[in-house]
Amino acid sequence: MNRQILIKKTLTNISLLPDWRLKEVADYVDFLSKLSDDKKLAEGIRNIVSQTKSFHFLEEEEELYNDSDLIQKY
């Protein structure tokens, strides 16, 4: 089913709902929209961080500690 048909069908069904149910649908759509925005934001941040050279100096730094230095392992 293509996007336009799905939107039209959804709007038709929503128009048949009582007011109290319409509020629930609106809240759920807002929730889904926020999830989508948050996912896009997190993906953008990951892309920026992966391309930056801010912590490049750590790649050349000597390892000072290893597992044998731990007193207690979790």
PDB file of N, CA and C in Angstrom:
ATOM      1  N   MET A   1       0.857  -1.172   0.000  1.00  0.00           N
ATOM      2  CA  MET A   1       0.000   0.000   0.000  1.00  0.00           C
ATOM      3  C   MET A   1       0.902   1.235   0.000  1.00  0.00           C
ATOM      4  N   ASN A   2       0.664   2.147  -0.931  1.00  0.00           N
ATOM      5  CA  ASN A   2       1.547   3.309  -0.979  1.00  0.00           C
ATOM      6  C   ASN A   2       1.173   4.339   0.090  1.00  0.00           C
ATOM      7  N   ARG A   3       2.025   5.289   0.271  1.00  0.00           N
ATOM      8  CA  ARG A   3       1.917   6.266   1.354  1.00  0.00           C
ATOM      9  C   ARG A   3       0.613   7.066   1.305  1.00  0.00           C
ATOM     10  N   GLN A   4       0.255   7.578   0.136  1.00  0.00           N
ATOM     11  CA  GLN A   4      -0.941   8.416   0.018  1.00  0.00           C
ATOM     12  C   GLN A   4      -2.217   7.639   0.346  1.00  0.00           C
ATOM     13  N   ILE A   5      -2.289   6.407  -0.120  1.00  0.00           N
ATOM     14  CA  ILE A   5      -3.472   5.585   0.170  1.00  0.00           C
ATOM     15  C   ILE A   5      -3.560   5.304   1.664  1.00  0.00           C
ATOM     16  N   LEU A   6      -2.419   5.004   2.277  1.00  0.00           N
ATOM     17  CA  LEU A   6      -2.382   4.721   3.710  1.00  0.00           C
ATOM     18  C   LEU A   6      -2.792   5.953   4.522  1.00  0.00           C
ATOM     19  N   ILE A   7      -2.316   7.114   4.131  1.00  0.00           N
ATOM     20  CA  ILE A   7      -2.680   8.356   4.828  1.00  0.00           C
ATOM     21  C   ILE A   7      -4.180   8.612   4.697  1.00  0.00           C
ATOM     22  N   LYS A   8      -4.708   8.454   3.504  1.00  0.00           N
ATOM     23  CA  LYS A   8      -6.138   8.682   3.275  1.00  0.00           C
ATOM     24  C   LYS A   8      -6.987   7.716   4.101  1.00  0.00           C
ATOM     25  N   LYS A   9      -6.614   6.444   4.121  1.00  0.00           N
ATOM     26  CA  LYS A   9      -7.340   5.438   4.889  1.00  0.00           C
ATOM     27  C   LYS A   9      -7.282   5.755   6.383  1.00  0.00           C
ATOM     28  N   THR A  10      -6.114   6.153   6.859  1.00  0.00           N
ATOM     29  CA  THR A  10      -5.943   6.493   8.274  1.00  0.00           C
ATOM     30  C   THR A  10      -6.790   7.698   8.650  1.00  0.00           C
ATOM     31  N   LEU A  11      -6.794   8.729   7.806  1.00  0.00           N
ATOM     32  CA  LEU A  11      -7.596   9.919   8.086  1.00  0.00           C
ATOM     33  C   LEU A  11      -9.089   9.593   8.098  1.00  0.00           C
ATOM     34  N   THR A  12      -9.514   8.732   7.210  1.00  0.00           N
ATOM     35  CA  THR A  12     -10.917   8.310   7.188  1.00  0.00           C
ATOM     36  C   THR A  12     -11.279   7.610   8.492  1.00  0.00           C
ATOM     37  N   ASN A  13     -10.422   6.703   8.931  1.00  0.00           N
ATOM     38  CA  ASN A  13     -10.676   5.988  10.181  1.00  0.00           C
ATOM     39  C   ASN A  13     -10.632   6.913  11.391  1.00  0.00           C
ATOM     40  N   ILE A  14      -9.714   7.856  11.392  1.00  0.00           N
ATOM     41  CA  ILE A  14      -9.607   8.800  12.508  1.00  0.00           C
ATOM     42  C   ILE A  14     -10.849   9.673  12.597  1.00  0.00           C
ATOM     43  N   SER A  15     -11.391  10.063  11.466  1.00  0.00           N
ATOM     44  CA  SER A  15     -12.575  10.929  11.479  1.00  0.00           C
ATOM     45  C   SER A  15     -13.796  10.229  12.075  1.00  0.00           C
ATOM     46  N   LEU A  16     -13.775   8.919  12.142  1.00  0.00           N
ATOM     47  CA  LEU A  16     -14.894   8.160  12.704  1.00  0.00           C
ATOM     48  C   LEU A  16     -14.785   7.974  14.218  1.00  0.00           C
ATOM     49  N   LEU A  17     -13.633   8.317  14.791  1.00  0.00           N
ATOM     50  CA  LEU A  17     -13.401   8.099  16.221  1.00  0.00           C
ATOM     51  C   LEU A  17     -14.093   9.155  17.078  1.00  0.00           C
ATOM     52  N   PRO A  18     -14.474   8.781  18.303  1.00  0.00           N
ATOM     53  CA  PRO A  18     -14.996   9.782  19.248  1.00  0.00           C
ATOM     54  C   PRO A  18     -13.858  10.700  19.710  1.00  0.00           C
ATOM     55  N   ASP A  19     -14.222  11.852  20.248  1.00  0.00           N
ATOM     56  CA  ASP A  19     -13.230  12.863  20.644  1.00  0.00           C
ATOM     57  C   ASP A  19     -12.184  12.329  21.621  1.00  0.00           C
ATOM     58  N   TRP A  20     -12.617  11.550  22.621  1.00  0.00           N
ATOM     59  CA  TRP A  20     -11.665  11.067  23.617  1.00  0.00           C
ATOM     60  C   TRP A  20     -10.643  10.126  23.000  1.00  0.00           C
ATOM     61  N   ARG A  21     -11.051   9.361  21.986  1.00  0.00           N
ATOM     62  CA  ARG A  21     -10.132   8.445  21.307  1.00  0.00           C
ATOM     63  C   ARG A  21      -9.210   9.220  20.373  1.00  0.00           C
ATOM     64  N   LEU A  22      -9.730  10.284  19.800  1.00  0.00           N
ATOM     65  CA  LEU A  22      -8.934  11.132  18.909  1.00  0.00           C
ATOM     66  C   LEU A  22      -7.739  11.733  19.650  1.00  0.00           C
ATOM     67  N   LYS A  23      -7.971  12.124  20.909  1.00  0.00           N
ATOM     68  CA  LYS A  23      -6.881  12.667  21.728  1.00  0.00           C
ATOM     69  C   LYS A  23      -5.796  11.616  21.933  1.00  0.00           C
ATOM     70  N   GLU A  24      -6.187  10.374  22.172  1.00  0.00           N
ATOM     71  CA  GLU A  24      -5.214   9.295  22.343  1.00  0.00           C
ATOM     72  C   GLU A  24      -4.397   9.078  21.078  1.00  0.00           C
ATOM     73  N   VAL A  25      -5.060   9.116  19.928  1.00  0.00           N
ATOM     74  CA  VAL A  25      -4.366   8.931  18.654  1.00  0.00           C
ATOM     75  C   VAL A  25      -3.376  10.071  18.430  1.00  0.00           C
ATOM     76  N   ALA A  26      -3.811  11.298  18.713  1.00  0.00           N
ATOM     77  CA  ALA A  26      -2.927  12.461  18.542  1.00  0.00           C
ATOM     78  C   ALA A  26      -1.700  12.351  19.440  1.00  0.00           C
ATOM     79  N   ASP A  27      -1.900  11.932  20.686  1.00  0.00           N
ATOM     80  CA  ASP A  27      -0.777  11.767  21.616  1.00  0.00           C
ATOM     81  C   ASP A  27       0.188  10.690  21.123  1.00  0.00           C
ATOM     82  N   TYR A  28      -0.364   9.602  20.601  1.00  0.00           N
ATOM     83  CA  TYR A  28       0.480   8.507  20.112  1.00  0.00           C
ATOM     84  C   TYR A  28       1.278   8.936  18.883  1.00  0.00           C
ATOM     85  N   VAL A  29       0.648   9.684  17.991  1.00  0.00           N
ATOM     86  CA  VAL A  29       1.354  10.176  16.808  1.00  0.00           C
ATOM     87  C   VAL A  29       2.480  11.130  17.222  1.00  0.00           C
ATOM     88  N   ASP A  30       2.222  11.984  18.213  1.00  0.00           N
ATOM     89  CA  ASP A  30       3.278  12.867  18.733  1.00  0.00           C
ATOM     90  C   ASP A  30       4.438  12.049  19.298  1.00  0.00           C
ATOM     91  N   PHE A  31       4.117  10.991  20.027  1.00  0.00           N
ATOM     92  CA  PHE A  31       5.134  10.111  20.597  1.00  0.00           C
ATOM     93  C   PHE A  31       5.984   9.473  19.494  1.00  0.00           C
ATOM     94  N   LEU A  32       5.329   8.945  18.462  1.00  0.00           N
ATOM     95  CA  LEU A  32       6.065   8.315  17.362  1.00  0.00           C
ATOM     96  C   LEU A  32       6.941   9.320  16.625  1.00  0.00           C
ATOM     97  N   SER A  33       6.422  10.514  16.453  1.00  0.00           N
ATOM     98  CA  SER A  33       7.192  11.562  15.778  1.00  0.00           C
ATOM     99  C   SER A  33       8.438  11.925  16.584  1.00  0.00           C
ATOM    100  N   LYS A  34       8.285  12.027  17.899  1.00  0.00           N
ATOM    101  CA  LYS A  34       9.426  12.348  18.765  1.00  0.00           C
ATOM    102  C   LYS A  34      10.472  11.233  18.718  1.00  0.00           C
ATOM    103  N   LEU A  35      10.014   9.971  18.711  1.00  0.00           N
ATOM    104  CA  LEU A  35      10.951   8.857  18.607  1.00  0.00           C
ATOM    105  C   LEU A  35      11.766   8.941  17.321  1.00  0.00           C
ATOM    106  N   SER A  36      11.101   9.269  16.249  1.00  0.00           N
ATOM    107  CA  SER A  36      11.772   9.385  14.962  1.00  0.00           C
ATOM    108  C   SER A  36      12.797  10.517  14.987  1.00  0.00           C
ATOM    109  N   ASP A  37      12.399  11.660  15.571  1.00  0.00           N
ATOM    110  CA  ASP A  37      13.314  12.797  15.680  1.00  0.00           C
ATOM    111  C   ASP A  37      14.520  12.454  16.538  1.00  0.00           C
ATOM    112  N   ASP A  38      14.283  11.775  17.662  1.00  0.00           N
ATOM    113  CA  ASP A  38      15.374  11.391  18.562  1.00  0.00           C
ATOM    114  C   ASP A  38      16.345  10.446  17.865  1.00  0.00           C
ATOM    115  N   LYS A  39      15.811   9.523  17.084  1.00  0.00           N
ATOM    116  CA  LYS A  39      16.656   8.565  16.363  1.00  0.00           C
ATOM    117  C   LYS A  39      17.526   9.291  15.335  1.00  0.00           C
ATOM    118  N   LYS A  40      16.933  10.237  14.604  1.00  0.00           N
ATOM    119  CA  LYS A  40      17.694  11.008  13.618  1.00  0.00           C
ATOM    120  C   LYS A  40      18.779  11.840  14.301  1.00  0.00           C
ATOM    121  N   LEU A  41      18.444  12.430  15.442  1.00  0.00           N
ATOM    122  CA  LEU A  41      19.407  13.235  16.186  1.00  0.00           C
ATOM    123  C   LEU A  41      20.574  12.382  16.672  1.00  0.00           C
ATOM    124  N   ALA A  42      20.279  11.225  17.241  1.00  0.00           N
ATOM    125  CA  ALA A  42      21.334  10.336  17.731  1.00  0.00           C
ATOM    126  C   ALA A  42      22.228   9.863  16.586  1.00  0.00           C
ATOM    127  N   GLU A  43      21.626   9.568  15.452  1.00  0.00           N
ATOM    128  CA  GLU A  43      22.403   9.142  14.290  1.00  0.00           C
ATOM    129  C   GLU A  43      23.313  10.269  13.800  1.00  0.00           C
ATOM    130  N   GLY A  44      22.799  11.479  13.789  1.00  0.00           N
ATOM    131  CA  GLY A  44      23.615  12.634  13.391  1.00  0.00           C
ATOM    132  C   GLY A  44      24.784  12.856  14.336  1.00  0.00           C
ATOM    133  N   ILE A  45      24.534  12.723  15.622  1.00  0.00           N
ATOM    134  CA  ILE A  45      25.608  12.886  16.609  1.00  0.00           C
ATOM    135  C   ILE A  45      26.667  11.814  16.414  1.00  0.00           C
ATOM    136  N   ARG A  46      26.237  10.555  16.187  1.00  0.00           N
ATOM    137  CA  ARG A  46      27.199   9.472  15.947  1.00  0.00           C
ATOM    138  C   ARG A  46      28.057   9.766  14.722  1.00  0.00           C
ATOM    139  N   ASN A  47      27.450  10.279  13.678  1.00  0.00           N
ATOM    140  CA  ASN A  47      28.204  10.601  12.464  1.00  0.00           C
ATOM    141  C   ASN A  47      29.232  11.697  12.718  1.00  0.00           C
ATOM    142  N   ILE A  48      28.831  12.722  13.443  1.00  0.00           N
ATOM    143  CA  ILE A  48      29.752  13.821  13.742  1.00  0.00           C
ATOM    144  C   ILE A  48      30.919  13.327  14.593  1.00  0.00           C
ATOM    145  N   VAL A  49      30.610  12.549  15.620  1.00  0.00           N
ATOM    146  CA  VAL A  49      31.653  12.046  16.524  1.00  0.00           C
ATOM    147  C   VAL A  49      32.607  11.118  15.784  1.00  0.00           C
ATOM    148  N   SER A  50      32.090  10.306  14.886  1.00  0.00           N
ATOM    149  CA  SER A  50      32.957   9.364  14.175  1.00  0.00           C
ATOM    150  C   SER A  50      33.891  10.074  13.200  1.00  0.00           C
ATOM    151  N   GLN A  51      33.520  11.262  12.753  1.00  0.00           N
ATOM    152  CA  GLN A  51      34.342  11.993  11.789  1.00  0.00           C
ATOM    153  C   GLN A  51      35.314  12.974  12.442  1.00  0.00           C
ATOM    154  N   THR A  52      35.130  13.255  13.710  1.00  0.00           N
ATOM    155  CA  THR A  52      35.974  14.237  14.370  1.00  0.00           C
ATOM    156  C   THR A  52      37.337  13.646  14.719  1.00  0.00           C
ATOM    157  N   LYS A  53      38.297  14.485  14.856  1.00  0.00           N
ATOM    158  CA  LYS A  53      39.657  14.063  15.235  1.00  0.00           C
ATOM    159  C   LYS A  53      40.000  14.544  16.648  1.00  0.00           C
ATOM    160  N   SER A  54      38.983  14.908  17.418  1.00  0.00           N
ATOM    161  CA  SER A  54      39.200  15.458  18.762  1.00  0.00           C
ATOM    162  C   SER A  54      39.973  14.513  19.680  1.00  0.00           C
ATOM    163  N   PHE A  55      39.711  13.212  19.564  1.00  0.00           N
ATOM    164  CA  PHE A  55      40.359  12.250  20.446  1.00  0.00           C
ATOM    165  C   PHE A  55      41.399  11.416  19.701  1.00  0.00           C
ATOM    166  N   HIS A  56      41.856  11.909  18.583  1.00  0.00           N
ATOM    167  CA  HIS A  56      42.836  11.192  17.780  1.00  0.00           C
ATOM    168  C   HIS A  56      44.126  10.938  18.570  1.00  0.00           C
ATOM    169  N   PHE A  57      44.464  11.857  19.455  1.00  0.00           N
ATOM    170  CA  PHE A  57      45.698  11.720  20.243  1.00  0.00           C
ATOM    171  C   PHE A  57      45.686  10.465  21.119  1.00  0.00           C
ATOM    172  N   LEU A  58      44.506   9.978  21.477  1.00  0.00           N
ATOM    173  CA  LEU A  58      44.425   8.802  22.331  1.00  0.00           C
ATOM    174  C   LEU A  58      44.860   7.524  21.618  1.00  0.00           C
ATOM    175  N   GLU A  59      44.765   7.519  20.296  1.00  0.00           N
ATOM    176  CA  GLU A  59      45.174   6.342  19.534  1.00  0.00           C
ATOM    177  C   GLU A  59      46.675   6.094  19.637  1.00  0.00           C
ATOM    178  N   GLU A  60      47.442   7.140  19.830  1.00  0.00           N
ATOM    179  CA  GLU A  60      48.898   7.033  19.882  1.00  0.00           C
ATOM    180  C   GLU A  60      49.414   6.886  21.308  1.00  0.00           C
ATOM    181  N   GLU A  61      48.533   7.057  22.291  1.00  0.00           N
ATOM    182  CA  GLU A  61      48.953   7.012  23.685  1.00  0.00           C
ATOM    183  C   GLU A  61      49.247   5.573  24.128  1.00  0.00           C
ATOM    184  N   GLU A  62      50.304   5.439  24.889  1.00  0.00           N
ATOM    185  CA  GLU A  62      50.708   4.137  25.411  1.00  0.00           C
ATOM    186  C   GLU A  62      49.692   3.630  26.424  1.00  0.00           C
ATOM    187  N   GLU A  63      49.441   2.317  26.405  1.00  0.00           N
ATOM    188  CA  GLU A  63      48.535   1.708  27.371  1.00  0.00           C
ATOM    189  C   GLU A  63      49.239   1.666  28.725  1.00  0.00           C
ATOM    190  N   LEU A  64      48.658   2.316  29.714  1.00  0.00           N
ATOM    191  CA  LEU A  64      49.271   2.364  31.036  1.00  0.00           C
ATOM    192  C   LEU A  64      48.819   1.215  31.924  1.00  0.00           C
ATOM    193  N   TYR A  65      47.608   0.741  31.714  1.00  0.00           N
ATOM    194  CA  TYR A  65      47.050  -0.300  32.564  1.00  0.00           C
ATOM    195  C   TYR A  65      46.467  -1.414  31.705  1.00  0.00           C
ATOM    196  N   ASN A  66      46.370  -2.603  32.302  1.00  0.00           N
ATOM    197  CA  ASN A  66      45.702  -3.718  31.631  1.00  0.00           C
ATOM    198  C   ASN A  66      44.906  -4.510  32.662  1.00  0.00           C
ATOM    199  N   ASP A  67      44.317  -5.607  32.270  1.00  0.00           N
ATOM    200  CA  ASP A  67      43.450  -6.387  33.166  1.00  0.00           C
ATOM    201  C   ASP A  67      44.180  -6.907  34.398  1.00  0.00           C
ATOM    202  N   SER A  68      45.449  -7.161  34.281  1.00  0.00           N
ATOM    203  CA  SER A  68      46.186  -7.705  35.436  1.00  0.00           C
ATOM    204  C   SER A  68      46.344  -6.648  36.553  1.00  0.00           C
ATOM    205  N   ASP A  69      46.134  -5.396  36.248  1.00  0.00           N
ATOM    206  CA  ASP A  69      46.235  -4.343  37.245  1.00  0.00           C
ATOM    207  C   ASP A  69      44.965  -4.234  38.116  1.00  0.00           C
ATOM    208  N   LEU A  70      43.905  -4.882  37.695  1.00  0.00           N
ATOM    209  CA  LEU A  70      42.645  -4.797  38.439  1.00  0.00           C
ATOM    210  C   LEU A  70      42.715  -5.608  39.714  1.00  0.00           C
ATOM    211  N   ILE A  71      42.188  -5.035  40.790  1.00  0.00           N
ATOM    212  CA  ILE A  71      42.116  -5.738  42.061  1.00  0.00           C
ATOM    213  C   ILE A  71      40.871  -6.630  42.059  1.00  0.00           C
ATOM    214  N   GLN A  72      39.785  -6.090  41.564  1.00  0.00           N
ATOM    215  CA  GLN A  72      38.535  -6.821  41.525  1.00  0.00           C
ATOM    216  C   GLN A  72      37.942  -6.718  40.126  1.00  0.00           C
ATOM    217  N   LYS A  73      37.583  -7.840  39.540  1.00  0.00           N
ATOM    218  CA  LYS A  73      37.012  -7.848  38.187  1.00  0.00           C
ATOM    219  C   LYS A  73      35.513  -8.053  38.273  1.00  0.00           C
ATOM    220  N   TYR A  74      34.786  -7.316  37.480  1.00  0.00           N
ATOM    221  CA  TYR A  74      33.320  -7.400  37.479  1.00  0.00           C
ATOM    222  C   TYR A  74      32.846  -8.054  36.223  1.00  0.00           C
TER     223      TYR A  74
END
